[in-house]
PDB file of N, CA and C in Angstrom:
ATOM      1  N   MET A   1      41.092 118.684   0.919  1.00  0.00           N
ATOM      2  CA  MET A   1      41.823 117.859   1.585  1.00  0.00           C
ATOM      3  C   MET A   1      41.788 117.398   3.124  1.00  0.00           C
ATOM      4  N   ALA A   2      42.490 118.332   3.896  1.00  0.00           N
ATOM      5  CA  ALA A   2      42.610 118.607   5.517  1.00  0.00           C
ATOM      6  C   ALA A   2      41.053 118.563   6.024  1.00  0.00           C
ATOM      7  N   ALA A   3      40.440 118.735   5.267  1.00  0.00           N
ATOM      8  CA  ALA A   3      38.454 118.682   5.966  1.00  0.00           C
ATOM      9  C   ALA A   3      38.183 117.660   6.161  1.00  0.00           C
ATOM     10  N   ILE A   4      38.697 116.620   4.967  1.00  0.00           N
ATOM     11  CA  ILE A   4      37.936 114.935   5.411  1.00  0.00           C
ATOM     12  C   ILE A   4      39.060 114.609   6.572  1.00  0.00           C
ATOM     13  N   VAL A   5      40.744 114.717   6.377  1.00  0.00           N
ATOM     14  CA  VAL A   5      41.507 113.798   7.093  1.00  0.00           C
ATOM     15  C   VAL A   5      41.331 114.252   8.514  1.00  0.00           C
ATOM     16  N   VAL A   6      41.175 115.636   8.890  1.00  0.00           N
ATOM     17  CA  VAL A   6      41.383 115.822  10.455  1.00  0.00           C
ATOM     18  C   VAL A   6      39.906 115.211  11.014  1.00  0.00           C
ATOM     19  N   PRO A   7      38.870 115.194  10.531  1.00  0.00           N
ATOM     20  CA  PRO A   7      37.819 114.781  11.481  1.00  0.00           C
ATOM     21  C   PRO A   7      37.826 113.277  11.388  1.00  0.00           C
ATOM     22  N   VAL A   8      38.425 112.526  10.431  1.00  0.00           N
ATOM     23  CA  VAL A   8      38.728 111.443  10.420  1.00  0.00           C
ATOM     24  C   VAL A   8      39.912 110.918  11.467  1.00  0.00           C
ATOM     25  N   LEU A   9      40.808 111.769  11.087  1.00  0.00           N
ATOM     26  CA  LEU A   9      41.996 111.545  12.479  1.00  0.00           C
ATOM     27  C   LEU A   9      41.191 111.787  13.994  1.00  0.00           C
ATOM     28  N   PHE A  10      40.857 112.838  14.148  1.00  0.00           N
ATOM     29  CA  PHE A  10      39.787 113.096  15.541  1.00  0.00           C
ATOM     30  C   PHE A  10      39.158 111.860  15.835  1.00  0.00           C
ATOM     31  N   LEU A  11      38.077 111.365  14.636  1.00  0.00           N
ATOM     32  CA  LEU A  11      37.286 109.934  15.240  1.00  0.00           C
ATOM     33  C   LEU A  11      38.211 108.696  15.649  1.00  0.00           C
ATOM     34  N   LEU A  12      39.328 108.602  15.006  1.00  0.00           N
ATOM     35  CA  LEU A  12      39.906 107.668  15.039  1.00  0.00           C
ATOM     36  C   LEU A  12      40.355 107.412  16.553  1.00  0.00           C
ATOM     37  N   LEU A  13      40.849 108.673  16.968  1.00  0.00           N
ATOM     38  CA  LEU A  13      41.664 109.232  18.010  1.00  0.00           C
ATOM     39  C   LEU A  13      40.577 109.052  19.098  1.00  0.00           C
ATOM     40  N   VAL A  14      39.312 109.248  19.027  1.00  0.00           N
ATOM     41  CA  VAL A  14      38.328 109.367  20.217  1.00  0.00           C
ATOM     42  C   VAL A  14      38.110 107.773  19.758  1.00  0.00           C
ATOM     43  N   GLY A  15      37.832 107.281  19.302  1.00  0.00           N
ATOM     44  CA  GLY A  15      37.463 105.683  19.118  1.00  0.00           C
ATOM     45  C   GLY A  15      38.743 104.920  20.112  1.00  0.00           C
ATOM     46  N   VAL A  16      39.704 105.179  19.771  1.00  0.00           N
ATOM     47  CA  VAL A  16      40.959 104.133  20.176  1.00  0.00           C
ATOM     48  C   VAL A  16      41.046 104.869  21.995  1.00  0.00           C
ATOM     49  N   CYS A  17      40.799 106.067  22.004  1.00  0.00           N
ATOM     50  CA  CYS A  17      40.793 106.355  24.181  1.00  0.00           C
ATOM     51  C   CYS A  17      39.875 105.704  24.253  1.00  0.00           C
ATOM     52  N   GLY A  18      38.585 105.562  23.414  1.00  0.00           N
ATOM     53  CA  GLY A  18      37.377 104.978  24.015  1.00  0.00           C
ATOM     54  C   GLY A  18      37.622 103.257  24.576  1.00  0.00           C
ATOM     55  N   GLY A  19      38.256 102.765  23.265  1.00  0.00           N
ATOM     56  CA  GLY A  19      38.460 101.465  23.812  1.00  0.00           C
ATOM     57  C   GLY A  19      39.577 101.251  24.513  1.00  0.00           C
ATOM     58  N   LEU A  20      40.763 101.978  24.883  1.00  0.00           N
ATOM     59  CA  LEU A  20      41.390 101.691  26.289  1.00  0.00           C
ATOM     60  C   LEU A  20      40.908 102.171  27.264  1.00  0.00           C
ATOM     61  N   VAL A  21      39.972 102.971  27.065  1.00  0.00           N
ATOM     62  CA  VAL A  21      38.895 103.393  28.586  1.00  0.00           C
ATOM     63  C   VAL A  21      38.021 102.009  28.754  1.00  0.00           C
ATOM     64  N   VAL A  22      37.450 101.537  28.085  1.00  0.00           N
ATOM     65  CA  VAL A  22      36.812 100.408  28.138  1.00  0.00           C
ATOM     66  C   VAL A  22      37.800  98.889  28.991  1.00  0.00           C
ATOM     67  N   LEU A  23      38.804  98.634  28.069  1.00  0.00           N
ATOM     68  CA  LEU A  23      39.958  97.896  28.815  1.00  0.00           C
ATOM     69  C   LEU A  23      40.292  98.101  29.869  1.00  0.00           C
ATOM     70  N   TYR A  24      40.832  98.849  30.039  1.00  0.00           N
ATOM     71  CA  TYR A  24      40.960  99.362  31.565  1.00  0.00           C
ATOM     72  C   TYR A  24      39.969  99.730  32.620  1.00  0.00           C
ATOM     73  N   LEU A  25      38.518  99.547  32.365  1.00  0.00           N
ATOM     74  CA  LEU A  25      37.585  99.227  33.215  1.00  0.00           C
ATOM     75  C   LEU A  25      37.543  97.552  33.355  1.00  0.00           C
ATOM     76  N   ARG A  26      37.721  97.244  32.577  1.00  0.00           N
ATOM     77  CA  ARG A  26      37.337  95.986  32.215  1.00  0.00           C
ATOM     78  C   ARG A  26      38.391  94.977  33.272  1.00  0.00           C
ATOM     79  N   HIS A  27      39.421  95.316  32.885  1.00  0.00           N
ATOM     80  CA  HIS A  27      40.561  95.234  33.910  1.00  0.00           C
ATOM     81  C   HIS A  27      40.555  95.233  35.317  1.00  0.00           C
ATOM     82  N   ARG A  28      40.255  96.695  35.689  1.00  0.00           N
ATOM     83  CA  ARG A  28      39.894  96.738  37.323  1.00  0.00           C
ATOM     84  C   ARG A  28      38.845  95.849  37.360  1.00  0.00           C
ATOM     85  N   ARG A  29      37.802  95.611  36.706  1.00  0.00           N
ATOM     86  CA  ARG A  29      36.819  94.484  37.118  1.00  0.00           C
ATOM     87  C   ARG A  29      37.033  93.176  37.727  1.00  0.00           C
ATOM     88  N   LEU A  30      37.757  92.921  36.559  1.00  0.00           N
ATOM     89  CA  LEU A  30      38.606  91.637  36.643  1.00  0.00           C
ATOM     90  C   LEU A  30      39.330  91.089  37.999  1.00  0.00           C
ATOM     91  N   GLN A  31      40.135  92.239  37.916  1.00  0.00           N
ATOM     92  CA  GLN A  31      40.940  92.293  39.246  1.00  0.00           C
ATOM     93  C   GLN A  31      40.376  92.476  40.309  1.00  0.00           C
ATOM     94  N   HIS A  32      39.417  93.267  40.817  1.00  0.00           N
ATOM     95  CA  HIS A  32      38.499  93.227  41.725  1.00  0.00           C
ATOM     96  C   HIS A  32      37.832  91.577  42.156  1.00  0.00           C
ATOM     97  N   SER A  33      37.366  91.539  40.764  1.00  0.00           N
ATOM     98  CA  SER A  33      36.528  90.180  41.323  1.00  0.00           C
ATOM     99  C   SER A  33      37.379  88.980  41.807  1.00  0.00           C
ATOM    100  N   PHE A  34      38.304  88.710  41.153  1.00  0.00           N
ATOM    101  CA  PHE A  34      39.614  88.164  41.511  1.00  0.00           C
ATOM    102  C   PHE A  34      39.770  88.050  42.739  1.00  0.00           C
ATOM    103  N   THR A  35      40.432  89.432  43.105  1.00  0.00           N
ATOM    104  CA  THR A  35      40.635  89.526  44.658  1.00  0.00           C
ATOM    105  C   THR A  35      39.870  89.073  45.618  1.00  0.00           C
ATOM    106  N   ALA A  36      38.446  89.187  45.251  1.00  0.00           N
ATOM    107  CA  ALA A  36      37.475  89.036  46.194  1.00  0.00           C
ATOM    108  C   ALA A  36      37.233  87.633  46.232  1.00  0.00           C
ATOM    109  N   PHE A  37      37.575  86.665  45.099  1.00  0.00           N
ATOM    110  CA  PHE A  37      38.014  85.097  44.852  1.00  0.00           C
ATOM    111  C   PHE A  37      38.554  84.950  45.851  1.00  0.00           C
ATOM    112  N   ALA A  38      40.019  85.202  45.867  1.00  0.00           N
ATOM    113  CA  ALA A  38      40.704  84.905  46.261  1.00  0.00           C
ATOM    114  C   ALA A  38      40.903  85.234  47.912  1.00  0.00           C
ATOM    115  N   ASN A  39      40.344  86.305  48.153  1.00  0.00           N
ATOM    116  CA  ASN A  39      40.067  86.649  49.980  1.00  0.00           C
ATOM    117  C   ASN A  39      39.132  85.520  50.470  1.00  0.00           C
ATOM    118  N   SER A  40      37.998  85.047  49.700  1.00  0.00           N
ATOM    119  CA  SER A  40      37.181  84.166  50.396  1.00  0.00           C
ATOM    120  C   SER A  40      37.670  82.718  50.153  1.00  0.00           C
ATOM    121  N   HIS A  41      39.052  82.726  49.935  1.00  0.00           N
ATOM    122  CA  HIS A  41      39.403  81.161  49.972  1.00  0.00           C
ATOM    123  C   HIS A  41      40.715  81.003  50.242  1.00  0.00           C
ATOM    124  N   TYR A  42      41.206  81.847  51.145  1.00  0.00           N
ATOM    125  CA  TYR A  42      42.377  82.160  52.016  1.00  0.00           C
ATOM    126  C   TYR A  42      41.920  82.434  53.503  1.00  0.00           C
ATOM    127  N   ASN A  43      42.562  81.877  54.580  1.00  0.00           N
ATOM    128  CA  ASN A  43      42.746  82.364  55.504  1.00  0.00           C
ATOM    129  C   ASN A  43      43.866  82.659  55.850  1.00  0.00           C
ATOM    130  N   SER A  44      43.738  84.031  56.670  1.00  0.00           N
ATOM    131  CA  SER A  44      44.946  84.839  56.622  1.00  0.00           C
ATOM    132  C   SER A  44      45.354  84.516  58.170  1.00  0.00           C
ATOM    133  N   ARG A  45      44.584  84.223  58.790  1.00  0.00           N
ATOM    134  CA  ARG A  45      45.215  83.893  60.327  1.00  0.00           C
ATOM    135  C   ARG A  45      45.569  82.638  60.281  1.00  0.00           C
ATOM    136  N   LEU A  46      45.205  81.671  59.714  1.00  0.00           N
ATOM    137  CA  LEU A  46      46.243  80.495  59.439  1.00  0.00           C
ATOM    138  C   LEU A  46      47.418  80.239  58.499  1.00  0.00           C
ATOM    139  N   GLY A  47      47.002  81.178  57.566  1.00  0.00           N
ATOM    140  CA  GLY A  47      47.952  81.351  56.232  1.00  0.00           C
ATOM    141  C   GLY A  47      47.843  80.087  55.244  1.00  0.00           C
ATOM    142  N   SER A  48      46.712  79.293  55.699  1.00  0.00           N
ATOM    143  CA  SER A  48      46.207  78.426  54.426  1.00  0.00           C
ATOM    144  C   SER A  48      45.003  78.854  53.563  1.00  0.00           C
ATOM    145  N   ALA A  49      45.317  77.948  52.531  1.00  0.00           N
ATOM    146  CA  ALA A  49      44.014  78.209  51.390  1.00  0.00           C
ATOM    147  C   ALA A  49      42.696  77.151  52.158  1.00  0.00           C
ATOM    148  N   ILE A  50      41.527  77.223  51.367  1.00  0.00           N
ATOM    149  CA  ILE A  50      40.731  76.424  52.068  1.00  0.00           C
ATOM    150  C   ILE A  50      40.217  76.134  50.630  1.00  0.00           C
ATOM    151  N   PHE A  51      39.893  74.386  50.927  1.00  0.00           N
ATOM    152  CA  PHE A  51      38.885  73.876  50.305  1.00  0.00           C
ATOM    153  C   PHE A  51      38.106  72.977  50.181  1.00  0.00           C
ATOM    154  N   SER A  52      36.995  72.974  49.330  1.00  0.00           N
ATOM    155  CA  SER A  52      36.001  72.375  49.527  1.00  0.00           C
ATOM    156  C   SER A  52      36.125  71.206  49.339  1.00  0.00           C
ATOM    157  N   SER A  53      35.339  70.206  49.914  1.00  0.00           N
ATOM    158  CA  SER A  53      35.565  68.721  49.854  1.00  0.00           C
ATOM    159  C   SER A  53      34.249  68.445  48.690  1.00  0.00           C
ATOM    160  N   GLY A  54      33.335  69.570  48.171  1.00  0.00           N
ATOM    161  CA  GLY A  54      32.615  69.051  47.664  1.00  0.00           C
ATOM    162  C   GLY A  54      31.117  68.973  47.614  1.00  0.00           C
ATOM    163  N   ASP A  55      31.268  68.448  49.302  1.00  0.00           N
ATOM    164  CA  ASP A  55      29.802  68.311  49.831  1.00  0.00           C
ATOM    165  C   ASP A  55      28.789  69.821  50.006  1.00  0.00           C
ATOM    166  N   GLU A  56      29.913  70.997  50.693  1.00  0.00           N
ATOM    167  CA  GLU A  56      29.154  72.129  50.677  1.00  0.00           C
ATOM    168  C   GLU A  56      28.274  72.708  49.402  1.00  0.00           C
ATOM    169  N   LEU A  57      28.785  72.278  48.032  1.00  0.00           N
ATOM    170  CA  LEU A  57      28.490  72.784  46.984  1.00  0.00           C
ATOM    171  C   LEU A  57      27.298  71.976  46.436  1.00  0.00           C
ATOM    172  N   GLY A  58      26.608  71.344  47.106  1.00  0.00           N
ATOM    173  CA  GLY A  58      24.825  70.182  46.537  1.00  0.00           C
ATOM    174  C   GLY A  58      25.762  69.005  45.719  1.00  0.00           C
ATOM    175  N   ASP A  59      26.454  68.638  45.543  1.00  0.00           N
ATOM    176  CA  ASP A  59      26.949  67.443  44.409  1.00  0.00           C
ATOM    177  C   ASP A  59      26.487  66.477  45.138  1.00  0.00           C
ATOM    178  N   ASP A  60      25.153  65.580  44.674  1.00  0.00           N
ATOM    179  CA  ASP A  60      24.645  64.512  45.609  1.00  0.00           C
ATOM    180  C   ASP A  60      24.529  63.982  44.232  1.00  0.00           C
ATOM    181  N   ASP A  61      25.325  62.701  44.202  1.00  0.00           N
ATOM    182  CA  ASP A  61      26.048  61.577  42.914  1.00  0.00           C
ATOM    183  C   ASP A  61      25.272  60.516  43.899  1.00  0.00           C
ATOM    184  N   GLU A  62      24.292  60.511  44.902  1.00  0.00           N
ATOM    185  CA  GLU A  62      23.735  59.127  45.529  1.00  0.00           C
ATOM    186  C   GLU A  62      22.873  58.659  44.419  1.00  0.00           C
ATOM    187  N   ASP A  63      21.942  59.422  43.578  1.00  0.00           N
ATOM    188  CA  ASP A  63      21.227  58.628  42.663  1.00  0.00           C
ATOM    189  C   ASP A  63      22.216  57.986  40.988  1.00  0.00           C
ATOM    190  N   ALA A  64      23.617  58.556  41.115  1.00  0.00           N
ATOM    191  CA  ALA A  64      23.837  57.972  40.180  1.00  0.00           C
ATOM    192  C   ALA A  64      24.203  56.763  39.732  1.00  0.00           C
ATOM    193  N   PRO A  65      24.311  55.896  38.787  1.00  0.00           N
ATOM    194  CA  PRO A  65      24.873  54.532  39.300  1.00  0.00           C
ATOM    195  C   PRO A  65      26.347  54.577  39.339  1.00  0.00           C
ATOM    196  N   ILE A  66      26.901  53.029  39.770  1.00  0.00           N
ATOM    197  CA  ILE A  66      28.347  53.257  39.700  1.00  0.00           C
ATOM    198  C   ILE A  66      29.021  52.372  38.746  1.00  0.00           C
ATOM    199  N   ILE A  67      29.585  52.568  37.858  1.00  0.00           N
ATOM    200  CA  ILE A  67      30.254  52.032  37.129  1.00  0.00           C
ATOM    201  C   ILE A  67      31.456  50.881  37.608  1.00  0.00           C
ATOM    202  N   SER A  68      30.954  49.938  37.323  1.00  0.00           N
ATOM    203  CA  SER A  68      32.404  48.924  37.641  1.00  0.00           C
ATOM    204  C   SER A  68      33.419  48.344  36.739  1.00  0.00           C
ATOM    205  N   SER A  69      33.011  48.291  35.100  1.00  0.00           N
ATOM    206  CA  SER A  69      33.923  47.823  34.538  1.00  0.00           C
ATOM    207  C   SER A  69      33.033  47.969  33.253  1.00  0.00           C
ATOM    208  N   PHE A  70      34.059  48.087  32.164  1.00  0.00           N
ATOM    209  CA  PHE A  70      33.527  48.162  30.680  1.00  0.00           C
ATOM    210  C   PHE A  70      33.631  46.798  29.963  1.00  0.00           C
ATOM    211  N   SER A  71      32.860  46.526  29.414  1.00  0.00           N
ATOM    212  CA  SER A  71      33.138  45.137  28.568  1.00  0.00           C
ATOM    213  C   SER A  71      33.498  45.534  27.028  1.00  0.00           C
ATOM    214  N   ASP A  72      34.241  44.728  26.021  1.00  0.00           N
ATOM    215  CA  ASP A  72      34.328  44.762  24.946  1.00  0.00           C
ATOM    216  C   ASP A  72      33.023  44.677  23.985  1.00  0.00           C
ATOM    217  N   ASP A  73      32.312  43.842  23.995  1.00  0.00           N
ATOM    218  CA  ASP A  73      31.119  43.399  23.572  1.00  0.00           C
ATOM    219  C   ASP A  73      29.865  44.380  23.341  1.00  0.00           C
ATOM    220  N   VAL A  74      29.842  45.440  24.667  1.00  0.00           N
ATOM    221  CA  VAL A  74      29.005  46.266  24.877  1.00  0.00           C
ATOM    222  C   VAL A  74      29.478  47.507  24.374  1.00  0.00           C
ATOM    223  N   PRO A  75      28.574  48.065  23.653  1.00  0.00           N
ATOM    224  CA  PRO A  75      29.354  49.395  22.685  1.00  0.00           C
ATOM    225  C   PRO A  75      29.203  50.678  23.749  1.00  0.00           C
ATOM    226  N   MET A  76      30.143  51.474  23.553  1.00  0.00           N
ATOM    227  CA  MET A  76      29.915  52.803  24.815  1.00  0.00           C
ATOM    228  C   MET A  76      29.289  53.743  24.424  1.00  0.00           C
ATOM    229  N   VAL A  77      28.854  53.989  23.057  1.00  0.00           N
ATOM    230  CA  VAL A  77      27.875  55.034  22.262  1.00  0.00           C
ATOM    231  C   VAL A  77      27.193  54.267  21.984  1.00  0.00           C
ATOM    232  N   ILE A  78      25.596  54.554  22.010  1.00  0.00           N
ATOM    233  CA  ILE A  78      24.892  54.040  21.465  1.00  0.00           C
ATOM    234  C   ILE A  78      24.256  54.950  19.753  1.00  0.00           C
ATOM    235  N   ALA A  79      24.227  54.577  18.953  1.00  0.00           N
ATOM    236  CA  ALA A  79      23.983  55.777  17.974  1.00  0.00           C
ATOM    237  C   ALA A  79      21.876  55.829  17.731  1.00  0.00           C
TER     238      ALA A  79
END
């Protein structure tokens, strides 16, 4: 009986430790990427956050039609 239980418990312990290592590494990577993102959007000299207006992102809505109003007799979705 002990010849079966001990290897199973050992494999279970190795699996749990491996899972904890994976979770720790993912947490470190996520924390590092968030810190890099936050530092790129904060000016420490001025003490303020940097917000983009959307123009720098390449959002060109010049060719999008302007919706003025909706009418009850025109369906919103055409099936």
